[in-house]
Each structure stands twice: as structure tokens, then as C-alpha cells.
Amino acid sequence: MQGFLVLFQPSSLRFLFWGFTVTLQIALTTIALSFAAGVVLGALRYSKEIYPESRLARRVSQLTFYWIEALRNLPMLLLMLFMRFVSGLPPIWAAIAGMSLYTSAVLAEVVRGGLLSVDKGQWEAGLSQGLTPLQVLRHIVLPQALRNMIPPFVSQFITVMKDTSYAWALGIQEITGSGVILFAKYLNPMQTFIFIAGVFFVTNFSMQLLARSYERRLAVGRA
């Protein structure tokens, strides 16, 4: 019991909260960058569907495929270490860059799958109204596809939140690193990591609940 009580001392809570703010900073920045890059990469991967007769579109799609597969099949921690020690970025930005590279590749495939899930008739209807393929993609297809992507997006965002603990390997004192320092001081590793696990669970479960609520509102709007 004493091992838990020391974690609720004001000084310990402030220390863990500071680490949690670093965790949130890394996670939210990674999510924003990965989402933007993932949409772009997914659209480029899908470009051969937009311009099926274009050799350039097929080449761009193929090159994007190689880029995505290369990143998806590398360990995220390796990318983070590469960005830290090869590119020379500051630790926190190296962590964000490495995580964003990996996550954007994962989200790109989610985006491509979402675009493919939209009925071909939507393309035909848009083109028949005189819209260009890019306008159809932007105004008709992509908004519909994004709704279908909500569950896998949320799942990946939760993974990003959990993977912030890798940043400790770069010397960043996020919540896991703060916990290591605390249990070294109080010799209570089990209690400290149970506490940190609880913080991650509450944060990630809250994200799931918000996503489910949003999905229900979308379902009602479609009805």
C-alpha cells in the first residue's frame, strides 16, 4: 500500500503530470502530422484509380507503394533512433519525426482502403456534373471515405499514444520515463507501472468512447 501512497503525494503527481504532458505533446503532434501525410500518401497511392490511363499516375502510385511498404516494415524505434542520431534532430522532434514516418505509412493504407470503399458510381456522378477528377476526389469521394476510416484511424491513434513510451529510449522524460525515475527513488516498480498503465487505459478508452459517439451521430445523420 505504501508503494501506491507515495505516488499520490503532490510532488509525485506533479512529476508524473509533467511527464504526461510530454506524452500528450508527442502523441498529438504525431497524430496531426501523420494524418496530413497519410491522406496525401493514400491519395497518391490511389492516383492510378483517378487517372487509370496516365503513365505518370501509375508511376507515382508505384513509387508511393514502395515508400509506404518500406516504412511499414521497419521498426518504429529504429526510425526514431535514426532521426535522433543520423539527422541530428533534438530528442523530442526525433521521436515525433520517427513516429510520424511510420504512422503516416500505416494511415496511407487506411486512406487508400477507404477511398476504394466508395462506390464507383460516386465518381461517375461527379464527373457527369463537369467536375474534374481532383474535384470529385476532394468534394465527394474523400469526405465519404473519411467516415469509413474513423475506426481504423482511432485504433492507430491509440497505438500512437501507447508507442510514445518508446521515446524514453531517446532520453525523453515522458510519463514512462518519469515513472522509472520515481520507482528508482521509492523502489515500487509494480505500483508505479500499474499507475501509469491506468493513465494510459483511461486516456485510450476515452478516445474510443468519443469515436463511438461520433460514429453514432454520423449513423443518425445518414438515416
Protein backbone atom coordinates (compact mmCIF):
# COMPACT_ATOMS: atom_id res chain seq x y z
CA MET A 1 0.00 0.00 0.00
CA GLN A 2 2.83 2.39 0.82
CA GLY A 3 4.12 1.96 -2.72
CA PHE A 4 0.86 3.41 -4.06
CA LEU A 5 0.54 6.15 -1.45
CA VAL A 6 3.85 7.78 -2.40
CA LEU A 7 2.57 8.15 -5.96
CA PHE A 8 -0.31 10.32 -4.74
CA GLN A 9 1.92 12.76 -2.94
CA PRO A 10 1.67 16.23 -4.55
CA SER A 11 5.30 16.17 -5.65
CA SER A 12 4.93 12.74 -7.29
CA LEU A 13 1.69 13.68 -9.03
CA ARG A 14 3.24 16.89 -10.37
CA PHE A 15 6.24 14.92 -11.63
CA LEU A 16 4.04 12.34 -13.38
CA PHE A 17 1.72 15.01 -14.75
CA TRP A 18 4.67 16.84 -16.29
CA GLY A 19 5.73 13.58 -17.96
CA PHE A 20 2.16 13.06 -19.17
CA THR A 21 2.11 16.50 -20.81
CA VAL A 22 5.23 15.48 -22.76
CA THR A 23 3.48 12.25 -23.74
CA LEU A 24 0.47 14.22 -24.99
CA GLN A 25 2.70 16.66 -26.87
CA ILE A 26 4.44 13.83 -28.72
CA ALA A 27 1.20 11.94 -29.40
CA LEU A 28 -0.90 14.88 -30.58
CA THR A 29 1.83 16.30 -32.82
CA THR A 30 2.47 12.85 -34.30
CA ILE A 31 -1.25 12.32 -34.91
CA ALA A 32 -1.62 15.68 -36.67
CA LEU A 33 1.45 15.20 -38.89
CA SER A 34 0.67 11.55 -39.62
CA PHE A 35 -2.93 12.30 -40.53
CA ALA A 36 -1.94 15.01 -43.01
CA ALA A 37 0.87 12.94 -44.53
CA GLY A 38 -1.24 9.78 -44.55
CA VAL A 39 -4.04 11.43 -46.50
CA VAL A 40 -1.56 12.74 -49.07
CA LEU A 41 0.25 9.40 -49.39
CA GLY A 42 -3.02 7.49 -49.57
CA ALA A 43 -4.29 9.79 -52.32
CA LEU A 44 -1.03 9.39 -54.26
CA ARG A 45 -1.26 5.62 -53.88
CA TYR A 46 -4.83 5.86 -55.19
CA SER A 47 -3.87 8.16 -58.09
CA LYS A 48 -3.85 5.36 -60.65
CA GLU A 49 -7.56 4.85 -59.90
CA ILE A 50 -8.22 8.55 -60.57
CA TYR A 51 -6.22 8.63 -63.82
CA PRO A 52 -6.17 4.98 -64.99
CA GLU A 53 -4.75 5.86 -68.39
CA SER A 54 -1.95 8.08 -67.10
CA ARG A 55 1.54 6.57 -67.05
CA LEU A 56 2.64 9.26 -64.58
CA ALA A 57 -0.18 8.38 -62.18
CA ARG A 58 0.76 4.70 -62.32
CA ARG A 59 4.42 5.54 -61.67
CA VAL A 60 3.55 7.84 -58.75
CA SER A 61 1.30 5.14 -57.29
CA GLN A 62 4.07 2.55 -57.63
CA LEU A 63 6.73 4.78 -56.02
CA THR A 64 4.34 5.63 -53.19
CA PHE A 65 3.72 1.90 -52.68
CA TYR A 66 7.46 1.27 -52.24
CA TRP A 67 7.76 4.19 -49.80
CA ILE A 68 4.79 3.02 -47.71
CA GLU A 69 5.90 -0.60 -47.59
CA ALA A 70 9.47 0.35 -46.67
CA LEU A 71 8.31 2.41 -43.70
CA ARG A 72 5.64 -0.07 -42.56
CA ASN A 73 8.18 -2.87 -42.39
CA LEU A 74 10.76 -1.01 -40.33
CA PRO A 75 10.64 -0.91 -36.51
CA MET A 76 9.31 2.41 -35.25
CA LEU A 77 12.05 2.60 -32.63
CA LEU A 78 14.69 2.23 -35.36
CA LEU A 79 13.16 5.19 -37.22
CA MET A 80 13.17 7.25 -34.04
CA LEU A 81 16.82 6.41 -33.35
CA PHE A 82 17.73 7.17 -36.96
CA MET A 83 16.10 10.60 -36.74
CA ARG A 84 17.90 11.30 -33.47
CA PHE A 85 21.43 10.16 -34.23
CA VAL A 86 21.65 10.46 -38.01
CA SER A 87 19.54 13.52 -38.77
CA GLY A 88 20.63 15.29 -35.58
CA LEU A 89 17.14 16.43 -34.59
CA PRO A 90 16.51 17.30 -30.92
CA PRO A 91 15.24 14.27 -28.97
CA ILE A 92 11.55 15.21 -28.83
CA TRP A 93 11.41 16.12 -32.52
CA ALA A 94 13.32 12.99 -33.45
CA ALA A 95 10.70 10.94 -31.61
CA ILE A 96 7.88 12.81 -33.35
CA ALA A 97 9.53 12.50 -36.77
CA GLY A 98 10.22 8.78 -36.42
CA MET A 99 6.71 8.03 -35.16
CA SER A 100 5.15 10.22 -37.85
CA LEU A 101 7.06 8.47 -40.65
CA TYR A 102 5.84 5.07 -39.52
CA THR A 103 2.28 6.10 -38.65
CA SER A 104 1.75 8.06 -41.87
CA ALA A 105 2.59 4.92 -43.84
CA VAL A 106 0.04 2.91 -41.87
CA LEU A 107 -2.62 5.59 -42.28
CA ALA A 108 -1.89 5.86 -46.01
CA GLU A 109 -3.10 2.29 -46.47
CA VAL A 110 -6.17 3.08 -44.37
CA VAL A 111 -6.89 6.06 -46.62
CA ARG A 112 -6.44 4.01 -49.78
CA GLY A 113 -8.77 1.33 -48.43
CA GLY A 114 -11.32 3.98 -47.51
CA LEU A 115 -11.18 5.51 -50.99
CA LEU A 116 -11.63 2.10 -52.57
CA SER A 117 -14.70 1.51 -50.38
CA VAL A 118 -16.59 4.38 -52.02
CA ASP A 119 -18.88 3.22 -54.82
CA LYS A 120 -17.61 3.88 -58.34
CA GLY A 121 -20.96 5.49 -59.11
CA GLN A 122 -19.92 8.47 -57.00
CA TRP A 123 -17.06 9.11 -59.42
CA GLU A 124 -19.33 8.81 -62.43
CA ALA A 125 -21.91 11.15 -60.91
CA GLY A 126 -19.30 13.79 -60.11
CA LEU A 127 -17.64 13.61 -63.49
CA SER A 128 -21.01 13.82 -65.23
CA GLN A 129 -21.58 17.15 -63.45
CA GLY A 130 -18.47 18.58 -65.10
CA LEU A 131 -16.14 18.25 -62.09
CA THR A 132 -12.50 17.34 -62.61
CA PRO A 133 -11.23 14.06 -61.08
CA LEU A 134 -9.43 16.01 -58.34
CA GLN A 135 -12.59 17.96 -57.52
CA VAL A 136 -14.58 14.73 -57.32
CA LEU A 137 -11.93 13.30 -55.00
CA ARG A 138 -11.84 16.36 -52.77
CA HIS A 139 -15.53 17.22 -52.55
CA ILE A 140 -17.35 13.91 -53.00
CA VAL A 141 -15.21 10.80 -52.53
CA LEU A 142 -12.77 11.79 -49.78
CA PRO A 143 -15.42 13.09 -47.31
CA GLN A 144 -17.35 9.81 -47.65
CA ALA A 145 -14.20 7.73 -47.35
CA LEU A 146 -13.08 9.55 -44.20
CA ARG A 147 -16.26 8.46 -42.42
CA ASN A 148 -15.41 4.84 -43.16
CA MET A 149 -11.89 5.39 -41.86
CA ILE A 150 -12.87 6.51 -38.36
CA PRO A 151 -12.50 3.08 -36.62
CA PRO A 152 -9.04 2.27 -38.05
CA PHE A 153 -7.92 5.87 -37.53
CA VAL A 154 -8.89 5.76 -33.85
CA SER A 155 -7.22 2.38 -33.44
CA GLN A 156 -3.98 3.76 -34.90
CA PHE A 157 -4.18 6.94 -32.81
CA ILE A 158 -4.47 4.80 -29.68
CA THR A 159 -1.40 2.88 -30.85
CA VAL A 160 0.44 6.20 -31.24
CA MET A 161 -0.48 7.12 -27.68
CA LYS A 162 0.92 3.84 -26.39
CA ASP A 163 4.04 3.99 -28.57
CA THR A 164 5.10 7.30 -27.03
CA SER A 165 6.75 5.16 -24.35
CA TYR A 166 9.47 4.37 -26.93
CA ALA A 167 10.59 7.99 -26.59
CA TRP A 168 12.22 7.05 -23.30
CA ALA A 169 14.94 5.31 -25.36
CA LEU A 170 15.88 8.74 -26.73
CA GLY A 171 16.26 10.19 -23.26
CA ILE A 172 12.87 11.93 -23.27
CA GLN A 173 11.18 12.10 -19.91
CA GLU A 174 7.60 11.31 -20.87
CA ILE A 175 5.31 9.57 -18.39
CA THR A 176 7.06 6.20 -18.63
CA GLY A 177 10.46 7.82 -18.11
CA SER A 178 9.04 9.78 -15.16
CA GLY A 179 7.77 6.52 -13.71
CA VAL A 180 11.20 4.89 -14.00
CA ILE A 181 12.73 7.78 -12.06
CA LEU A 182 10.05 7.54 -9.37
CA PHE A 183 10.31 3.81 -8.80
CA ALA A 184 14.11 4.11 -8.65
CA LYS A 185 13.56 6.59 -5.83
CA TYR A 186 10.79 4.75 -3.95
CA LEU A 187 11.59 1.16 -5.02
CA ASN A 188 7.97 0.49 -6.07
CA PRO A 189 8.14 -0.61 -9.73
CA MET A 190 4.94 -2.68 -9.71
CA GLN A 191 2.80 0.10 -8.18
CA THR A 192 4.33 2.75 -10.43
CA PHE A 193 3.72 0.85 -13.63
CA ILE A 194 0.18 -0.10 -12.57
CA PHE A 195 -0.47 3.61 -12.04
CA ILE A 196 0.96 4.51 -15.46
CA ALA A 197 -1.00 1.68 -17.09
CA GLY A 198 -4.15 3.14 -15.54
CA VAL A 199 -3.37 6.55 -17.03
CA PHE A 200 -2.91 5.04 -20.48
CA PHE A 201 -6.07 2.96 -20.13
CA VAL A 202 -8.25 5.92 -19.12
CA THR A 203 -6.84 8.10 -21.92
CA ASN A 204 -7.18 5.49 -24.66
CA PHE A 205 -10.58 4.22 -23.53
CA SER A 206 -11.85 7.80 -23.52
CA MET A 207 -10.69 8.15 -27.11
CA GLN A 208 -12.61 5.00 -28.01
CA LEU A 209 -15.78 6.29 -26.36
CA LEU A 210 -15.54 9.62 -28.18
CA ALA A 211 -15.01 7.84 -31.50
CA ARG A 212 -18.03 5.57 -30.91
CA SER A 213 -20.17 8.58 -30.01
CA TYR A 214 -19.10 10.33 -33.22
CA GLU A 215 -19.84 7.21 -35.28
CA ARG A 216 -23.35 7.01 -33.79
CA ARG A 217 -24.00 10.66 -34.66
CA LEU A 218 -22.85 10.01 -38.23
CA ALA A 219 -25.12 6.96 -38.43
CA VAL A 220 -28.09 9.04 -37.28
CA GLY A 221 -27.23 11.74 -39.80
CA ARG A 222 -27.21 9.22 -42.63
CA ALA A 223 -30.57 7.70 -41.60
